[in-house]
N, C-alpha and C. Protein backbone atom coordinates (compact mmCIF):
# COMPACT_ATOMS: atom_id res chain seq x y z
N MET A 1 25.03 10.36 79.94
CA MET A 1 24.57 9.12 79.25
C MET A 1 23.37 9.50 78.66
N MET A 2 22.23 10.03 78.73
CA MET A 2 21.22 10.66 77.80
C MET A 2 21.86 11.39 76.67
N LYS A 3 22.84 12.32 76.93
CA LYS A 3 23.54 13.38 75.88
C LYS A 3 24.12 12.38 74.89
N ALA A 4 24.96 10.98 75.18
CA ALA A 4 25.27 10.67 74.38
C ALA A 4 24.25 9.70 73.42
N GLN A 5 23.31 9.21 74.24
CA GLN A 5 22.32 8.40 73.58
C GLN A 5 21.66 9.26 72.61
N ASN A 6 21.35 10.59 73.08
CA ASN A 6 20.79 11.39 71.88
C ASN A 6 21.42 11.83 70.87
N ARG A 7 23.01 11.75 71.05
CA ARG A 7 23.88 12.30 70.02
C ARG A 7 24.01 10.77 68.93
N ARG A 8 23.80 9.62 69.63
CA ARG A 8 23.60 8.35 68.87
C ARG A 8 22.57 8.33 67.76
N THR A 9 21.37 8.71 68.62
CA THR A 9 20.32 8.72 67.82
C THR A 9 19.92 9.78 66.50
N GLY A 10 20.57 10.92 67.03
CA GLY A 10 20.85 12.14 65.87
C GLY A 10 21.83 11.54 65.02
N PHE A 11 22.74 10.81 65.07
CA PHE A 11 23.70 10.70 64.10
C PHE A 11 23.14 9.40 63.17
N SER A 12 22.34 8.54 64.02
CA SER A 12 21.58 7.55 62.90
C SER A 12 20.71 7.96 62.05
N LEU A 13 19.92 9.18 62.45
CA LEU A 13 19.05 9.85 61.94
C LEU A 13 19.52 10.67 60.58
N ILE A 14 20.71 10.91 60.73
CA ILE A 14 21.52 11.62 59.60
C ILE A 14 21.79 10.89 58.74
N GLU A 15 22.31 9.52 59.08
CA GLU A 15 22.90 8.23 58.32
C GLU A 15 21.57 7.82 57.61
N MET A 16 20.33 7.80 58.06
CA MET A 16 18.96 7.41 57.63
C MET A 16 18.60 8.39 56.24
N LEU A 17 18.85 9.67 56.58
CA LEU A 17 18.44 10.74 55.86
C LEU A 17 19.56 10.74 54.61
N VAL A 18 20.76 10.41 54.72
CA VAL A 18 21.69 10.27 53.64
C VAL A 18 21.28 9.02 52.85
N ALA A 19 20.98 7.86 53.29
CA ALA A 19 20.60 6.66 52.75
C ALA A 19 19.43 6.85 51.95
N VAL A 20 18.49 7.67 52.29
CA VAL A 20 17.00 8.01 51.69
C VAL A 20 17.57 8.81 50.59
N ALA A 21 18.31 9.85 50.63
CA ALA A 21 19.01 10.68 49.73
C ALA A 21 19.67 10.12 48.57
N VAL A 22 20.46 8.87 48.83
CA VAL A 22 21.38 8.38 48.15
C VAL A 22 20.13 7.42 47.22
N ILE A 23 18.97 7.09 47.82
CA ILE A 23 18.06 5.98 47.20
C ILE A 23 17.41 6.62 45.93
N VAL A 24 16.83 8.09 46.56
CA VAL A 24 16.05 9.18 45.57
C VAL A 24 17.17 9.30 44.53
N ALA A 25 18.45 9.50 44.83
CA ALA A 25 19.09 9.89 43.52
C ALA A 25 19.42 8.81 42.55
N LEU A 26 19.40 7.44 43.13
CA LEU A 26 19.70 6.37 42.38
C LEU A 26 18.21 6.09 41.62
N ALA A 27 17.04 6.21 42.14
CA ALA A 27 15.90 6.24 41.42
C ALA A 27 15.77 7.00 40.26
N ALA A 28 16.08 8.34 40.61
CA ALA A 28 16.05 9.25 39.54
C ALA A 28 16.89 9.09 38.31
N ILE A 29 17.90 8.17 38.60
CA ILE A 29 18.81 8.01 37.69
C ILE A 29 18.46 6.74 36.80
N LEU A 30 17.73 5.51 37.80
CA LEU A 30 17.39 4.44 37.00
C LEU A 30 16.15 4.22 36.54
N ILE A 31 15.19 4.96 37.19
CA ILE A 31 13.80 4.89 36.26
C ILE A 31 13.76 5.53 34.87
N PRO A 32 14.48 6.75 34.63
CA PRO A 32 14.63 6.92 33.02
C PRO A 32 15.31 5.96 32.43
N THR A 33 16.43 5.35 32.69
CA THR A 33 17.30 4.42 32.05
C THR A 33 16.22 3.16 31.94
N THR A 34 15.48 2.66 32.69
CA THR A 34 14.60 1.31 32.72
C THR A 34 13.53 1.63 31.65
N HIS A 35 13.00 2.93 31.67
CA HIS A 35 11.99 3.27 30.72
C HIS A 35 12.64 3.35 29.31
N THR A 36 14.02 3.77 29.19
CA THR A 36 14.46 3.86 27.78
C THR A 36 14.60 2.21 27.40
N ILE A 37 15.18 1.55 28.23
CA ILE A 37 15.38 0.14 27.90
C ILE A 37 14.03 -0.52 27.40
N LEU A 38 13.04 -0.40 28.22
CA LEU A 38 11.73 -0.91 27.80
C LEU A 38 11.07 -0.28 26.53
N VAL A 39 11.36 0.77 26.17
CA VAL A 39 11.02 1.30 24.86
C VAL A 39 11.72 0.95 23.87
N ASN A 40 13.01 0.69 23.99
CA ASN A 40 13.72 0.38 23.10
C ASN A 40 13.84 -1.26 22.46
N ALA A 41 13.27 -1.89 23.83
CA ALA A 41 13.07 -3.43 23.58
C ALA A 41 11.57 -3.64 22.74
N ARG A 42 10.66 -2.82 22.86
CA ARG A 42 9.36 -2.89 22.47
C ARG A 42 9.64 -2.40 20.97
N GLN A 43 10.77 -1.51 20.48
CA GLN A 43 10.73 -1.20 19.37
C GLN A 43 11.60 -2.25 18.59
N ALA A 44 12.75 -2.80 19.20
CA ALA A 44 13.16 -3.67 18.73
C ALA A 44 12.42 -4.87 18.18
N LYS A 45 11.38 -5.15 19.18
CA LYS A 45 10.38 -6.60 19.13
C LYS A 45 9.44 -6.02 18.01
N GLY A 46 9.18 -4.93 17.96
CA GLY A 46 7.66 -4.25 16.82
C GLY A 46 8.54 -4.52 15.57
N ALA A 47 10.08 -4.04 15.40
CA ALA A 47 10.81 -4.22 14.14
C ALA A 47 11.09 -5.44 13.65
N ASN A 48 11.32 -6.56 14.70
CA ASN A 48 11.29 -8.06 14.33
C ASN A 48 9.93 -8.49 13.92
N GLN A 49 9.08 -8.05 14.21
CA GLN A 49 7.50 -8.66 13.88
C GLN A 49 7.39 -7.94 12.84
N LEU A 50 7.72 -6.79 12.35
CA LEU A 50 7.31 -6.40 10.94
C LEU A 50 8.15 -7.10 9.99
N ARG A 51 9.43 -7.63 10.28
CA ARG A 51 10.43 -8.23 9.53
C ARG A 51 9.97 -9.72 9.05
N GLN A 52 9.19 -10.20 10.09
CA GLN A 52 8.49 -11.55 9.96
C GLN A 52 7.30 -11.51 8.88
N LEU A 53 6.65 -10.24 9.19
CA LEU A 53 5.51 -10.05 8.22
C LEU A 53 6.17 -9.87 6.69
N GLY A 54 7.26 -9.29 6.43
CA GLY A 54 7.82 -9.09 5.27
C GLY A 54 8.18 -10.47 4.85
N VAL A 55 8.80 -11.38 5.59
CA VAL A 55 9.29 -12.76 5.23
C VAL A 55 7.84 -13.25 4.69
N ALA A 56 6.86 -13.28 5.30
CA ALA A 56 5.80 -13.98 4.91
C ALA A 56 5.16 -13.62 3.92
N LEU A 57 4.93 -12.25 3.56
CA LEU A 57 4.61 -11.43 2.28
C LEU A 57 5.28 -12.07 0.99
N GLN A 58 6.96 -12.07 1.34
CA GLN A 58 7.58 -12.55 0.11
C GLN A 58 7.38 -13.98 -0.19
N CYS A 59 7.05 -14.87 0.82
CA CYS A 59 6.81 -16.32 0.49
C CYS A 59 5.28 -16.34 -0.14
N TYR A 60 4.26 -15.69 0.39
CA TYR A 60 3.16 -15.56 -0.09
C TYR A 60 3.10 -15.31 -1.44
N SER A 61 3.96 -14.12 -2.01
CA SER A 61 4.13 -13.67 -3.38
C SER A 61 5.07 -14.72 -4.34
N GLN A 62 5.83 -15.41 -3.62
CA GLN A 62 6.41 -16.43 -4.32
C GLN A 62 5.59 -17.45 -4.88
N GLU A 63 4.58 -17.93 -4.07
CA GLU A 63 3.62 -18.92 -4.42
C GLU A 63 2.29 -18.62 -5.17
N ASN A 64 2.32 -17.15 -5.31
CA ASN A 64 1.10 -16.47 -6.09
C ASN A 64 1.31 -15.54 -6.82
N LYS A 65 2.20 -16.14 -8.14
CA LYS A 65 2.54 -15.35 -9.39
C LYS A 65 2.99 -13.97 -8.84
N GLN A 66 3.93 -14.09 -8.02
CA GLN A 66 4.53 -12.70 -7.53
C GLN A 66 3.44 -11.47 -7.38
N THR A 67 2.36 -11.83 -6.36
CA THR A 67 1.29 -10.92 -5.98
C THR A 67 1.39 -10.80 -4.59
N TYR A 68 1.06 -9.80 -4.06
CA TYR A 68 0.72 -9.89 -2.40
C TYR A 68 -0.77 -10.07 -2.13
N PRO A 69 -1.14 -10.42 -0.97
CA PRO A 69 -2.63 -10.51 -0.63
C PRO A 69 -3.27 -9.23 -1.06
N PRO A 70 -4.46 -9.08 -1.76
CA PRO A 70 -5.19 -8.02 -2.19
C PRO A 70 -5.66 -7.33 -0.96
N VAL A 71 -5.44 -5.90 -0.59
CA VAL A 71 -6.20 -5.11 0.39
C VAL A 71 -7.36 -4.42 -0.41
N ALA A 72 -8.34 -4.58 0.37
CA ALA A 72 -9.72 -4.28 -0.19
C ALA A 72 -10.59 -3.25 0.60
N VAL A 73 -11.46 -2.96 0.44
CA VAL A 73 -12.51 -2.05 0.88
C VAL A 73 -13.76 -2.56 1.22
N ASP A 74 -14.77 -2.01 2.14
CA ASP A 74 -16.22 -2.46 2.17
C ASP A 74 -15.89 -3.63 3.04
N SER A 75 -16.86 -4.47 2.31
CA SER A 75 -16.95 -6.05 2.75
C SER A 75 -16.00 -6.90 2.65
N VAL A 76 -15.00 -6.87 1.91
CA VAL A 76 -13.88 -7.70 1.38
C VAL A 76 -12.45 -7.19 2.16
N PRO A 77 -12.25 -7.30 3.38
CA PRO A 77 -10.97 -6.93 3.90
C PRO A 77 -9.86 -7.68 3.49
N TRP A 78 -8.53 -7.21 3.82
CA TRP A 78 -7.55 -7.83 3.61
C TRP A 78 -7.31 -9.22 4.17
N ASP A 79 -7.14 -10.59 3.45
CA ASP A 79 -7.22 -11.70 3.79
C ASP A 79 -5.83 -12.12 4.60
N ARG A 80 -5.91 -11.61 5.71
CA ARG A 80 -4.30 -12.03 6.51
C ARG A 80 -4.27 -13.53 6.92
N GLN A 81 -5.49 -14.32 6.68
CA GLN A 81 -5.15 -15.74 6.51
C GLN A 81 -4.25 -16.30 5.65
N ALA A 82 -4.30 -15.51 4.77
CA ALA A 82 -3.31 -15.91 3.57
C ALA A 82 -1.93 -16.13 4.11
N LEU A 83 -1.37 -15.23 5.13
CA LEU A 83 -0.34 -15.38 5.77
C LEU A 83 -0.09 -16.18 6.91
N GLN A 84 -1.16 -16.69 7.46
CA GLN A 84 -0.88 -17.82 8.56
C GLN A 84 0.03 -18.90 8.57
N ALA A 85 -0.21 -19.33 7.25
CA ALA A 85 0.77 -20.53 7.03
C ALA A 85 2.19 -20.24 6.96
N TYR A 86 2.67 -18.78 6.86
CA TYR A 86 3.99 -18.68 7.01
C TYR A 86 4.46 -18.00 8.26
N LEU A 87 3.51 -17.94 9.45
CA LEU A 87 3.69 -17.10 10.33
C LEU A 87 3.83 -17.98 11.61
N GLY A 88 2.71 -19.17 11.53
CA GLY A 88 2.68 -20.07 12.77
C GLY A 88 1.35 -19.43 13.34
N VAL A 89 0.39 -20.53 13.51
CA VAL A 89 -0.87 -19.99 14.04
C VAL A 89 -1.22 -20.91 14.97
N TYR A 90 -1.61 -20.70 16.02
CA TYR A 90 -2.28 -21.32 17.24
C TYR A 90 -3.80 -20.90 17.49
N GLY A 91 -4.70 -21.77 17.16
CA GLY A 91 -5.98 -21.22 17.40
C GLY A 91 -6.43 -20.66 16.13
N SER A 92 -7.83 -20.01 16.15
CA SER A 92 -8.68 -19.79 15.12
C SER A 92 -8.24 -18.26 14.68
N ASN A 93 -7.80 -17.41 15.63
CA ASN A 93 -7.64 -16.14 15.42
C ASN A 93 -6.45 -15.35 16.35
N THR A 94 -5.53 -16.13 16.39
CA THR A 94 -4.07 -15.58 17.16
C THR A 94 -2.94 -15.95 16.26
N ILE A 95 -2.23 -15.04 16.08
CA ILE A 95 -1.04 -15.07 15.75
C ILE A 95 0.23 -14.69 16.68
N PRO A 96 0.66 -15.67 17.66
CA PRO A 96 1.38 -15.41 18.60
C PRO A 96 2.80 -14.39 18.38
N ALA A 97 3.45 -14.70 17.11
CA ALA A 97 4.35 -14.15 16.92
C ALA A 97 4.39 -12.41 16.64
N LEU A 98 2.84 -12.21 16.66
CA LEU A 98 2.83 -10.73 16.54
C LEU A 98 1.68 -10.13 17.34
N ASP A 99 2.40 -9.10 18.41
CA ASP A 99 1.42 -8.81 19.21
C ASP A 99 1.40 -7.12 19.50
N GLY A 100 1.73 -6.73 18.12
CA GLY A 100 1.99 -4.97 18.39
C GLY A 100 2.94 -4.47 19.02
N GLY A 101 3.88 -5.37 19.25
CA GLY A 101 5.13 -4.37 19.66
C GLY A 101 5.03 -3.94 21.21
N GLY A 102 3.89 -4.22 21.73
CA GLY A 102 3.73 -3.65 23.36
C GLY A 102 2.98 -3.06 23.65
N ASN A 103 2.65 -1.93 22.69
CA ASN A 103 1.84 -0.49 23.34
C ASN A 103 1.10 -0.28 22.34
N ALA A 104 0.61 -0.84 21.07
CA ALA A 104 0.00 -0.48 20.24
C ALA A 104 -1.53 -0.28 20.71
N GLU A 105 -2.13 0.80 20.26
CA GLU A 105 -3.77 1.26 20.40
C GLU A 105 -4.49 0.14 19.64
N SER A 106 -5.52 -0.38 20.39
CA SER A 106 -6.45 -1.41 19.56
C SER A 106 -7.70 -1.47 20.66
N THR A 107 -8.58 -2.07 19.80
CA THR A 107 -10.07 -2.11 20.57
C THR A 107 -10.42 -3.64 20.25
N ASP A 108 -9.32 -4.54 19.77
CA ASP A 108 -9.84 -5.86 19.10
C ASP A 108 -8.64 -6.71 19.70
N ASP A 109 -9.06 -8.22 19.32
CA ASP A 109 -7.86 -8.94 20.02
C ASP A 109 -6.97 -9.62 18.67
N TRP A 110 -7.43 -9.24 17.31
CA TRP A 110 -6.44 -9.64 16.23
C TRP A 110 -4.99 -9.27 16.36
N LYS A 111 -4.01 -10.04 16.29
CA LYS A 111 -2.74 -9.67 16.85
C LYS A 111 -2.21 -8.72 15.72
N VAL A 112 -2.50 -9.20 14.34
CA VAL A 112 -1.95 -8.29 13.28
C VAL A 112 -2.54 -6.91 13.30
N ARG A 113 -3.82 -7.05 13.47
CA ARG A 113 -4.77 -5.89 13.00
C ARG A 113 -4.59 -4.99 13.99
N ARG A 114 -4.34 -5.39 15.18
CA ARG A 114 -4.28 -4.34 16.20
C ARG A 114 -2.77 -3.39 16.22
N ALA A 115 -1.94 -3.80 15.29
CA ALA A 115 -0.91 -3.07 15.27
C ALA A 115 -0.28 -2.54 13.93
N TYR A 116 -0.52 -2.91 12.68
CA TYR A 116 -0.18 -2.51 11.72
C TYR A 116 -1.17 -2.35 10.48
N SER A 117 -0.83 -1.60 9.61
CA SER A 117 -1.94 -1.37 8.50
C SER A 117 -1.21 -1.51 7.46
N ALA A 118 -1.81 -2.15 6.22
CA ALA A 118 -1.34 -2.32 4.99
C ALA A 118 -1.13 -0.68 4.40
N GLY A 119 0.30 -0.63 3.78
CA GLY A 119 0.72 0.80 3.12
C GLY A 119 0.37 0.57 1.65
N GLY A 120 0.74 1.62 0.76
CA GLY A 120 0.54 1.87 -0.34
C GLY A 120 1.19 0.79 -1.29
N GLY A 121 2.31 0.34 -1.04
CA GLY A 121 3.13 -0.94 -1.73
C GLY A 121 2.25 -1.98 -1.63
N MET A 122 1.13 -2.26 -1.08
CA MET A 122 0.25 -3.35 -1.05
C MET A 122 -0.79 -3.21 -1.98
N PHE A 123 -0.99 -1.84 -2.42
CA PHE A 123 -2.12 -1.47 -3.08
C PHE A 123 -2.24 -2.04 -4.44
N GLY A 124 -3.52 -2.40 -5.07
CA GLY A 124 -3.48 -2.98 -6.50
C GLY A 124 -3.31 -1.47 -7.34
N LEU A 125 -2.97 -2.15 -8.67
CA LEU A 125 -2.82 -0.87 -9.66
C LEU A 125 -4.01 -0.89 -10.76
N THR A 126 -4.79 0.30 -10.68
CA THR A 126 -5.73 0.58 -11.60
C THR A 126 -5.32 0.97 -13.00
N LYS A 127 -5.96 1.07 -14.19
CA LYS A 127 -5.27 1.29 -15.13
C LYS A 127 -4.75 2.35 -15.46
N TRP A 128 -4.96 3.29 -14.86
CA TRP A 128 -4.47 4.86 -14.67
C TRP A 128 -2.95 4.53 -14.08
N ASN A 129 -2.43 3.26 -13.55
CA ASN A 129 -1.04 3.23 -12.86
C ASN A 129 -1.22 3.84 -11.84
N GLU A 130 -2.45 4.05 -10.99
CA GLU A 130 -2.44 4.44 -9.73
C GLU A 130 -2.73 3.42 -8.80
N ALA A 131 -2.08 3.31 -7.55
CA ALA A 131 -2.30 2.16 -6.56
C ALA A 131 -3.36 2.55 -5.42
N VAL A 132 -4.29 1.77 -5.53
CA VAL A 132 -5.51 2.09 -4.50
C VAL A 132 -5.76 0.62 -3.91
N ASN A 133 -6.56 1.02 -2.71
CA ASN A 133 -6.72 -0.09 -1.66
C ASN A 133 -7.95 -0.67 -2.43
N THR A 134 -8.00 -1.67 -3.27
CA THR A 134 -9.15 -2.47 -3.83
C THR A 134 -8.80 -3.69 -3.76
N SER A 135 -9.76 -4.73 -4.10
CA SER A 135 -9.25 -6.05 -4.25
C SER A 135 -8.62 -6.42 -5.18
N ILE A 136 -7.99 -5.69 -5.97
CA ILE A 136 -6.98 -6.04 -7.03
C ILE A 136 -5.41 -6.42 -6.41
N PRO A 137 -5.10 -7.70 -6.70
CA PRO A 137 -3.76 -7.83 -5.85
C PRO A 137 -2.62 -7.21 -6.81
N ARG A 138 -1.57 -6.85 -5.65
CA ARG A 138 -0.46 -6.04 -6.51
C ARG A 138 0.80 -6.92 -6.79
N SER A 139 0.99 -6.69 -7.99
CA SER A 139 2.34 -7.61 -8.52
C SER A 139 3.58 -6.77 -7.83
N VAL A 140 4.37 -7.74 -7.22
CA VAL A 140 5.68 -7.25 -6.66
C VAL A 140 6.45 -6.39 -7.84
N LEU A 141 6.27 -7.22 -9.05
CA LEU A 141 7.02 -6.47 -10.19
C LEU A 141 6.82 -5.01 -10.67
N THR A 142 5.77 -4.45 -10.34
CA THR A 142 5.25 -3.20 -10.54
C THR A 142 5.56 -2.19 -9.41
N ILE A 143 6.42 -2.67 -8.25
CA ILE A 143 6.87 -1.80 -7.38
C ILE A 143 8.07 -0.99 -7.92
N GLU A 144 8.21 0.12 -7.93
CA GLU A 144 9.56 0.99 -8.10
C GLU A 144 9.91 1.60 -6.78
N ASN A 145 11.50 1.77 -6.89
CA ASN A 145 12.02 2.40 -5.95
C ASN A 145 11.60 1.20 -4.61
N LEU A 146 11.79 0.09 -4.34
CA LEU A 146 11.54 -0.70 -3.52
C LEU A 146 11.81 0.02 -1.86
N ASN A 147 12.93 0.67 -1.78
CA ASN A 147 13.33 1.32 -0.44
C ASN A 147 12.25 2.46 -0.02
N ASP A 148 11.38 2.94 -1.00
CA ASP A 148 10.55 3.88 -0.56
C ASP A 148 9.17 3.46 -0.32
N ALA A 149 8.67 2.37 -1.02
CA ALA A 149 7.33 1.73 -0.97
C ALA A 149 6.77 1.39 0.27
N VAL A 150 5.98 1.82 0.89
CA VAL A 150 5.46 1.15 2.12
C VAL A 150 4.72 -0.05 2.17
N LEU A 151 4.95 -1.25 2.61
CA LEU A 151 3.97 -2.34 2.73
C LEU A 151 3.41 -2.34 3.99
N LEU A 152 4.01 -1.96 5.27
CA LEU A 152 3.26 -1.90 6.45
C LEU A 152 3.77 -1.21 7.41
N PHE A 153 2.79 -0.61 8.25
CA PHE A 153 3.27 0.54 8.99
C PHE A 153 2.73 0.42 10.23
N ASP A 154 3.26 0.88 11.49
CA ASP A 154 2.64 1.08 12.67
C ASP A 154 1.44 1.94 12.72
N ALA A 155 0.31 1.24 12.95
CA ALA A 155 -0.95 2.11 12.85
C ALA A 155 -1.74 2.43 14.14
N ARG A 156 -2.57 3.12 14.09
CA ARG A 156 -3.61 3.59 15.20
C ARG A 156 -5.10 2.89 14.58
N VAL A 157 -5.27 1.80 15.18
CA VAL A 157 -6.34 0.96 14.56
C VAL A 157 -7.56 0.31 15.75
N THR A 158 -8.69 0.53 14.90
CA THR A 158 -9.85 0.10 15.73
C THR A 158 -10.17 -1.20 15.15
N TRP A 159 -11.53 -1.49 15.19
CA TRP A 159 -12.22 -2.92 14.86
C TRP A 159 -12.46 -2.68 13.32
N HIS A 160 -12.80 -1.70 12.96
CA HIS A 160 -13.27 -1.38 11.67
C HIS A 160 -11.83 -0.50 11.02
N GLY A 161 -10.86 -0.66 11.33
CA GLY A 161 -9.66 0.26 11.34
C GLY A 161 -8.92 0.00 10.14
N LEU A 162 -7.64 0.71 9.88
CA LEU A 162 -7.04 0.93 8.58
C LEU A 162 -6.44 -0.74 8.32
N CYS A 163 -6.51 -1.32 9.09
CA CYS A 163 -5.26 -2.64 9.06
C CYS A 163 -6.29 -3.64 8.34
N ARG A 164 -7.54 -3.40 8.35
CA ARG A 164 -8.46 -4.29 7.84
C ARG A 164 -9.04 -3.92 6.43
N ASP A 165 -8.81 -2.56 6.12
CA ASP A 165 -8.82 -1.99 4.90
C ASP A 165 -7.96 -1.31 4.07
N GLY A 166 -6.74 -1.46 4.52
CA GLY A 166 -5.83 -0.42 4.01
C GLY A 166 -5.79 0.87 4.47
N THR A 167 -5.19 1.64 4.00
CA THR A 167 -4.82 3.33 4.06
C THR A 167 -5.02 3.99 2.72
N ASN A 168 -6.14 4.53 2.19
CA ASN A 168 -5.98 5.25 0.92
C ASN A 168 -5.21 6.54 1.24
N TRP A 169 -4.52 7.11 0.23
CA TRP A 169 -3.82 8.46 0.36
C TRP A 169 -4.80 9.44 0.81
N SER A 170 -5.86 9.36 0.50
CA SER A 170 -6.64 10.61 0.95
C SER A 170 -6.71 10.95 2.39
N ARG A 171 -6.95 9.78 3.05
CA ARG A 171 -6.93 9.49 4.58
C ARG A 171 -5.51 9.65 5.29
N PHE A 172 -4.47 8.88 4.63
CA PHE A 172 -3.19 9.02 5.06
C PHE A 172 -2.39 10.35 5.33
N SER A 173 -2.81 11.37 3.91
CA SER A 173 -1.98 12.11 3.72
C SER A 173 -2.00 13.32 4.63
N SER A 174 -3.33 13.47 5.44
CA SER A 174 -3.23 14.54 6.13
C SER A 174 -2.21 14.08 7.56
N ASP A 175 -1.80 12.96 7.83
CA ASP A 175 -1.06 12.20 8.73
C ASP A 175 0.35 12.69 8.24
N VAL A 176 0.58 12.41 7.07
CA VAL A 176 2.11 12.77 6.16
C VAL A 176 2.18 14.16 6.30
N GLU A 177 1.39 15.07 6.32
CA GLU A 177 1.79 16.55 6.32
C GLU A 177 1.96 17.02 7.66
N ASN A 178 1.25 16.09 8.86
CA ASN A 178 1.42 16.70 9.96
C ASN A 178 2.64 16.23 10.60
N ALA A 179 3.57 17.26 10.69
CA ALA A 179 5.15 17.23 11.33
C ALA A 179 4.80 17.09 12.76
N SER A 180 3.86 16.75 13.23
CA SER A 180 3.73 16.55 14.84
C SER A 180 3.32 15.58 15.39
N VAL A 181 3.25 14.63 16.31
CA VAL A 181 2.84 13.60 16.71
C VAL A 181 1.28 13.90 17.20
N ASP A 182 0.85 14.90 17.67
CA ASP A 182 -0.28 15.27 17.87
C ASP A 182 -1.06 15.49 16.77
N GLY A 183 -2.56 15.07 16.80
CA GLY A 183 -3.37 15.20 15.55
C GLY A 183 -3.08 13.92 14.65
N ASN A 184 -2.40 12.93 15.02
CA ASN A 184 -2.43 12.11 13.86
C ASN A 184 -3.47 11.13 14.15
N LYS A 185 -3.93 10.81 13.22
CA LYS A 185 -5.36 9.65 13.19
C LYS A 185 -4.92 8.18 12.88
N TYR A 186 -3.97 8.09 11.82
CA TYR A 186 -3.80 6.92 11.38
C TYR A 186 -2.44 6.39 11.81
N ILE A 187 -1.45 7.06 11.73
CA ILE A 187 -0.30 6.61 12.01
C ILE A 187 0.12 6.56 13.68
N ASP A 188 0.55 5.57 14.06
CA ASP A 188 0.76 5.36 15.38
C ASP A 188 2.28 5.57 15.86
N TYR A 189 2.56 6.68 16.34
CA TYR A 189 4.07 6.89 16.82
C TYR A 189 3.99 6.60 18.19
N ARG A 190 4.04 4.93 18.49
CA ARG A 190 4.17 4.51 19.78
C ARG A 190 5.35 4.18 20.35
N HIS A 191 6.33 4.42 19.57
CA HIS A 191 7.78 4.11 19.89
C HIS A 191 8.66 5.39 20.28
N ASN A 192 8.04 5.88 21.70
CA ASN A 192 8.64 7.09 22.04
C ASN A 192 8.91 8.15 20.80
N GLY A 193 7.59 8.55 20.24
CA GLY A 193 7.53 9.68 19.27
C GLY A 193 7.71 9.15 17.78
N GLU A 194 8.15 7.78 17.77
CA GLU A 194 8.48 7.37 16.23
C GLU A 194 7.64 6.13 15.94
N ALA A 195 7.15 6.12 14.49
CA ALA A 195 6.80 4.85 14.24
C ALA A 195 7.41 4.14 12.95
N GLN A 196 7.20 2.96 12.90
CA GLN A 196 8.22 2.14 12.33
C GLN A 196 7.35 1.63 10.91
N PHE A 197 8.13 1.67 9.86
CA PHE A 197 7.52 1.33 8.53
C PHE A 197 8.27 0.11 7.86
N LEU A 198 7.71 -0.90 7.14
CA LEU A 198 8.28 -1.75 6.53
C LEU A 198 8.06 -1.58 5.11
N PHE A 199 9.17 -1.38 4.33
CA PHE A 199 9.45 -0.98 2.91
C PHE A 199 9.57 -2.30 2.10
N ALA A 200 9.39 -2.12 1.01
CA ALA A 200 9.05 -3.25 0.06
C ALA A 200 10.58 -3.79 -0.45
N ASP A 201 11.54 -3.06 0.18
CA ASP A 201 12.80 -3.83 0.01
C ASP A 201 13.25 -4.52 1.35
N MET A 202 12.28 -4.83 2.25
CA MET A 202 11.98 -5.37 3.40
C MET A 202 13.03 -5.05 4.64
N HIS A 203 13.53 -3.37 4.49
CA HIS A 203 13.81 -3.07 5.44
C HIS A 203 12.75 -2.42 6.38
N VAL A 204 13.10 -2.11 7.78
CA VAL A 204 12.14 -1.45 8.35
C VAL A 204 12.92 0.07 9.16
N GLU A 205 12.19 1.04 8.99
CA GLU A 205 12.64 2.40 9.31
C GLU A 205 11.78 3.05 10.55
N ALA A 206 12.42 3.42 11.63
CA ALA A 206 11.64 4.19 12.48
C ALA A 206 11.79 5.49 11.86
N MET A 207 10.53 6.18 12.09
CA MET A 207 10.60 7.86 11.76
C MET A 207 9.50 8.58 12.65
N THR A 208 10.14 9.82 12.62
CA THR A 208 9.19 10.71 13.32
C THR A 208 8.36 11.21 12.57
N PRO A 209 7.48 11.99 12.99
CA PRO A 209 6.52 12.89 12.04
C PRO A 209 7.58 13.61 11.13
N GLY A 210 8.11 14.27 11.36
CA GLY A 210 9.18 15.21 10.67
C GLY A 210 9.80 14.44 9.64
N ASP A 211 10.21 13.19 10.04
CA ASP A 211 11.01 12.58 9.09
C ASP A 211 9.90 11.96 7.93
N VAL A 212 8.55 11.53 8.39
CA VAL A 212 7.39 10.91 7.44
C VAL A 212 7.25 12.24 6.52
N ALA A 213 6.96 13.35 6.91
CA ALA A 213 6.64 14.55 6.24
C ALA A 213 7.83 14.95 5.10
N ALA A 214 9.06 14.48 5.33
CA ALA A 214 10.05 15.04 4.35
C ALA A 214 10.21 13.71 3.31
N LYS A 215 9.80 12.68 3.60
CA LYS A 215 9.76 11.62 2.91
C LYS A 215 8.99 11.51 1.67
N PHE A 216 7.70 11.39 2.30
CA PHE A 216 6.41 11.34 1.51
C PHE A 216 6.08 12.42 0.86
N THR A 217 6.67 13.07 0.12
CA THR A 217 6.22 14.44 -0.25
C THR A 217 5.31 14.01 -1.84
N ASP A 218 5.03 12.80 -2.09
CA ASP A 218 4.27 12.40 -3.04
C ASP A 218 3.67 10.96 -2.98
N ARG A 219 2.15 11.04 -3.07
CA ARG A 219 1.71 9.63 -2.87
C ARG A 219 2.33 8.54 -3.63
N LYS A 220 3.10 8.87 -4.74
CA LYS A 220 3.74 8.01 -5.68
C LYS A 220 4.74 7.39 -5.07
N ILE A 221 5.31 7.91 -4.04
CA ILE A 221 6.59 7.63 -3.44
C ILE A 221 5.99 6.41 -2.40
N TYR A 222 5.06 6.96 -1.68
CA TYR A 222 4.35 6.10 -0.73
C TYR A 222 3.81 4.57 -1.19
N GLU A 223 3.26 4.79 -2.55
CA GLU A 223 2.64 3.83 -3.01
C GLU A 223 3.61 2.97 -4.13
N GLY A 224 4.89 3.53 -4.09
CA GLY A 224 5.72 2.62 -5.14
C GLY A 224 5.36 2.60 -6.64
N THR A 225 4.90 3.72 -6.76
CA THR A 225 4.57 3.84 -8.28
C THR A 225 5.71 5.06 -8.95
N LYS A 226 6.60 5.54 -8.17
CA LYS A 226 7.55 6.46 -8.71
C LYS A 226 8.75 6.15 -8.20
């Protein structure tokens, strides 16, 4: 009688161990899959937000003599307030449609600022036909090669960061030349090693550090003046 009971207990322990092994195996399969799904969802959300910003920039330019809001330095930041009418705003400092795609690095609560920086395609042109982040508004008509000129990109931003002042080439170029995620100061490769860029032709492109280094071999490409 005792032997039969022991055999039954031993059998149930084996069943339990098998069940645990199955659960562990399923977890090993499902956890990476779930992570991939979440990463893809954040990336899709971020791309959609960039497109919303692109539409807002287009609407703004159509009502402002084909110019974008100026990107400025020092005490005159890029006036994102100009885009609020086209995005839908609730409250004084919140743009609910834009929350950084989920895992942007930030130290403040501005929804646009925390995720994106103005790229060279937004910079005003000087008399030398160089795009610089000044208070000069950029005419859409001056942008060449719309599919290469950067309007906005996923940025690593602090309160006094790049989304407030834009990103001049002298700072940005060090990240462009760095074909590794490590050591980047301005581009935020937050989507599983990729950053997303909104170009002047309104397409969004996810790029690795290697892709960026290969594409932006000249500041004029990034700025839309070549």
